[in-house]
């Protein structure tokens, strides 16, 4: 499972073990197994990304500027936010700029992650895309 999938799973509140290795009866989209003929509720649900992240930030003892910083977003989600991890995320998402310019890369990463969350069914405020 890639770093973006881990970010998405943390925001969606999805069990990452289901995403990375679906079990018998589970779908490849990361939803839990459903009875035969039943429609999975998760497929129709829209995840409010900002509300979920705001709730996590409110529950945290630390202050995170997740709306502007990819580092703070990753820290809020308790993920590795090291330069190496961000470079790997940049590679995963198709960044073509210089990874030596971490400020430019971080800005691009934040916008790309928000846009990709929106493209994957997340409700993301326009100013974050």
Protein backbone atom coordinates (compact mmCIF):
# COMPACT_ATOMS: atom_id res chain seq x y z
CA UNK A 1 0.00 0.00 0.00
CA UNK A 2 1.30 3.43 -0.92
CA UNK A 3 1.62 6.48 1.29
CA UNK A 4 -1.41 8.15 -0.30
CA UNK A 5 -3.53 5.08 0.45
CA UNK A 6 -2.33 5.24 4.05
CA UNK A 7 -3.31 8.93 4.24
CA UNK A 8 -6.71 8.19 2.74
CA UNK A 9 -7.29 5.25 5.08
CA UNK A 10 -6.41 7.36 8.12
CA UNK A 11 -8.86 10.11 7.08
CA UNK A 12 -11.60 7.71 6.04
CA UNK A 13 -11.14 5.73 9.24
CA UNK A 14 -10.57 2.55 7.20
CA UNK A 15 -8.69 -0.44 8.53
CA UNK A 16 -5.52 -0.36 6.42
CA UNK A 17 -5.10 -4.11 6.67
CA UNK A 18 -8.31 -4.50 4.70
CA UNK A 19 -7.03 -2.16 1.98
CA UNK A 20 -3.64 -3.75 1.61
CA UNK A 21 -4.75 -7.38 1.71
CA UNK A 22 -8.45 -7.92 1.07
CA UNK A 23 -9.81 -11.03 2.70
CA UNK A 24 -12.32 -13.39 1.18
CA UNK A 25 -15.54 -11.49 0.63
CA UNK A 26 -13.91 -8.06 0.94
CA UNK A 27 -13.80 -5.75 -2.02
CA UNK A 28 -10.55 -4.36 -3.41
CA UNK A 29 -11.72 -0.84 -2.53
CA UNK A 30 -11.10 -1.34 1.15
CA UNK A 31 -14.67 -1.79 2.29
CA UNK A 32 -15.58 -4.52 4.72
CA UNK A 33 -17.22 -7.71 3.47
CA UNK A 34 -20.97 -7.44 3.00
CA UNK A 35 -23.67 -10.06 2.93
CA UNK A 36 -24.55 -11.42 -0.51
CA UNK A 37 -26.82 -9.03 -2.38
CA UNK A 38 -26.27 -6.15 0.04
CA UNK A 39 -24.75 -2.90 -1.16
CA UNK A 40 -21.79 -1.64 0.88
CA UNK A 41 -22.71 1.55 2.72
CA UNK A 42 -19.16 2.93 2.43
CA UNK A 43 -19.41 3.11 -1.35
CA UNK A 44 -22.24 5.66 -1.21
CA UNK A 45 -20.90 7.69 1.71
CA UNK A 46 -19.02 10.93 1.10
CA UNK A 47 -16.21 11.52 3.57
CA UNK A 48 -15.92 15.10 4.84
CA UNK A 49 -12.12 15.38 4.81
CA UNK A 50 -11.94 18.77 6.55
CA UNK A 51 -14.38 17.74 9.28
CA UNK A 52 -12.48 14.51 9.97
CA UNK A 53 -9.11 16.28 10.08
CA UNK A 54 -10.50 19.11 12.21
CA UNK A 55 -11.84 16.54 14.69
CA UNK A 56 -8.44 14.83 14.85
CA UNK A 57 -6.72 18.21 15.34
CA UNK A 58 -9.15 19.18 18.10
CA UNK A 59 -8.48 15.91 19.93
CA UNK A 60 -4.72 16.38 19.64
CA UNK A 61 -2.60 18.07 22.30
CA UNK A 62 -0.36 19.49 19.57
CA UNK A 63 -1.27 22.27 17.14
CA UNK A 64 -1.21 21.18 13.51
CA UNK A 65 -1.66 23.47 10.50
CA UNK A 66 -2.89 20.59 8.34
CA UNK A 67 -4.72 22.98 5.98
CA UNK A 68 -1.40 24.40 4.73
CA UNK A 69 1.34 21.93 5.63
CA UNK A 70 1.84 18.42 4.29
CA UNK A 71 4.21 17.78 7.20
CA UNK A 72 1.54 18.77 9.74
CA UNK A 73 -1.08 16.75 7.85
CA UNK A 74 1.09 13.65 8.02
CA UNK A 75 1.98 14.25 11.68
CA UNK A 76 -1.71 14.72 12.54
CA UNK A 77 -2.40 11.33 10.97
CA UNK A 78 0.52 9.83 12.93
CA UNK A 79 2.43 9.04 9.73
CA UNK A 80 6.11 9.38 8.96
CA UNK A 81 6.56 12.98 7.78
CA UNK A 82 10.31 12.77 7.19
CA UNK A 83 11.83 14.20 4.03
CA UNK A 84 12.40 10.65 2.77
CA UNK A 85 8.70 9.80 3.26
CA UNK A 86 7.64 13.01 1.50
CA UNK A 87 10.00 12.29 -1.39
CA UNK A 88 8.46 8.82 -1.67
CA UNK A 89 4.95 10.36 -1.68
CA UNK A 90 6.09 12.83 -4.34
CA UNK A 91 7.36 9.96 -6.49
CA UNK A 92 4.12 8.04 -5.93
CA UNK A 93 2.01 11.03 -7.02
CA UNK A 94 4.13 11.84 -10.07
CA UNK A 95 6.03 14.94 -8.93
CA UNK A 96 8.35 16.12 -11.70
CA UNK A 97 10.03 19.01 -9.90
CA UNK A 98 13.22 18.89 -7.89
CA UNK A 99 12.87 17.03 -4.61
CA UNK A 100 15.85 19.08 -3.41
CA UNK A 101 13.52 22.10 -3.22
CA UNK A 102 11.50 20.76 -0.31
CA UNK A 103 9.39 23.93 0.05
CA UNK A 104 8.11 23.72 -3.53
CA UNK A 105 7.68 19.96 -3.25
CA UNK A 106 5.74 20.29 0.03
CA UNK A 107 3.39 22.90 -1.45
CA UNK A 108 2.77 20.68 -4.47
CA UNK A 109 2.27 17.61 -2.29
CA UNK A 110 -0.34 19.27 -0.10
CA UNK A 111 -2.40 20.46 -3.08
CA UNK A 112 -2.02 17.12 -4.86
CA UNK A 113 -3.07 15.11 -1.79
CA UNK A 114 -6.15 17.30 -1.28
CA UNK A 115 -7.10 17.06 -4.98
CA UNK A 116 -6.60 13.31 -4.96
CA UNK A 117 -8.68 12.92 -1.79
CA UNK A 118 -11.45 14.84 -3.55
CA UNK A 119 -11.09 12.67 -6.66
CA UNK A 120 -11.45 9.57 -4.47
CA UNK A 121 -14.79 10.59 -2.97
CA UNK A 122 -13.69 13.01 -0.27
CA UNK A 123 -15.45 16.30 0.33
CA UNK A 124 -12.61 18.82 0.29
CA UNK A 125 -13.12 22.62 0.50
CA UNK A 126 -12.23 24.32 -2.81
CA UNK A 127 -9.53 26.47 -1.20
CA UNK A 128 -7.60 23.30 -0.29
CA UNK A 129 -7.55 21.78 -3.79
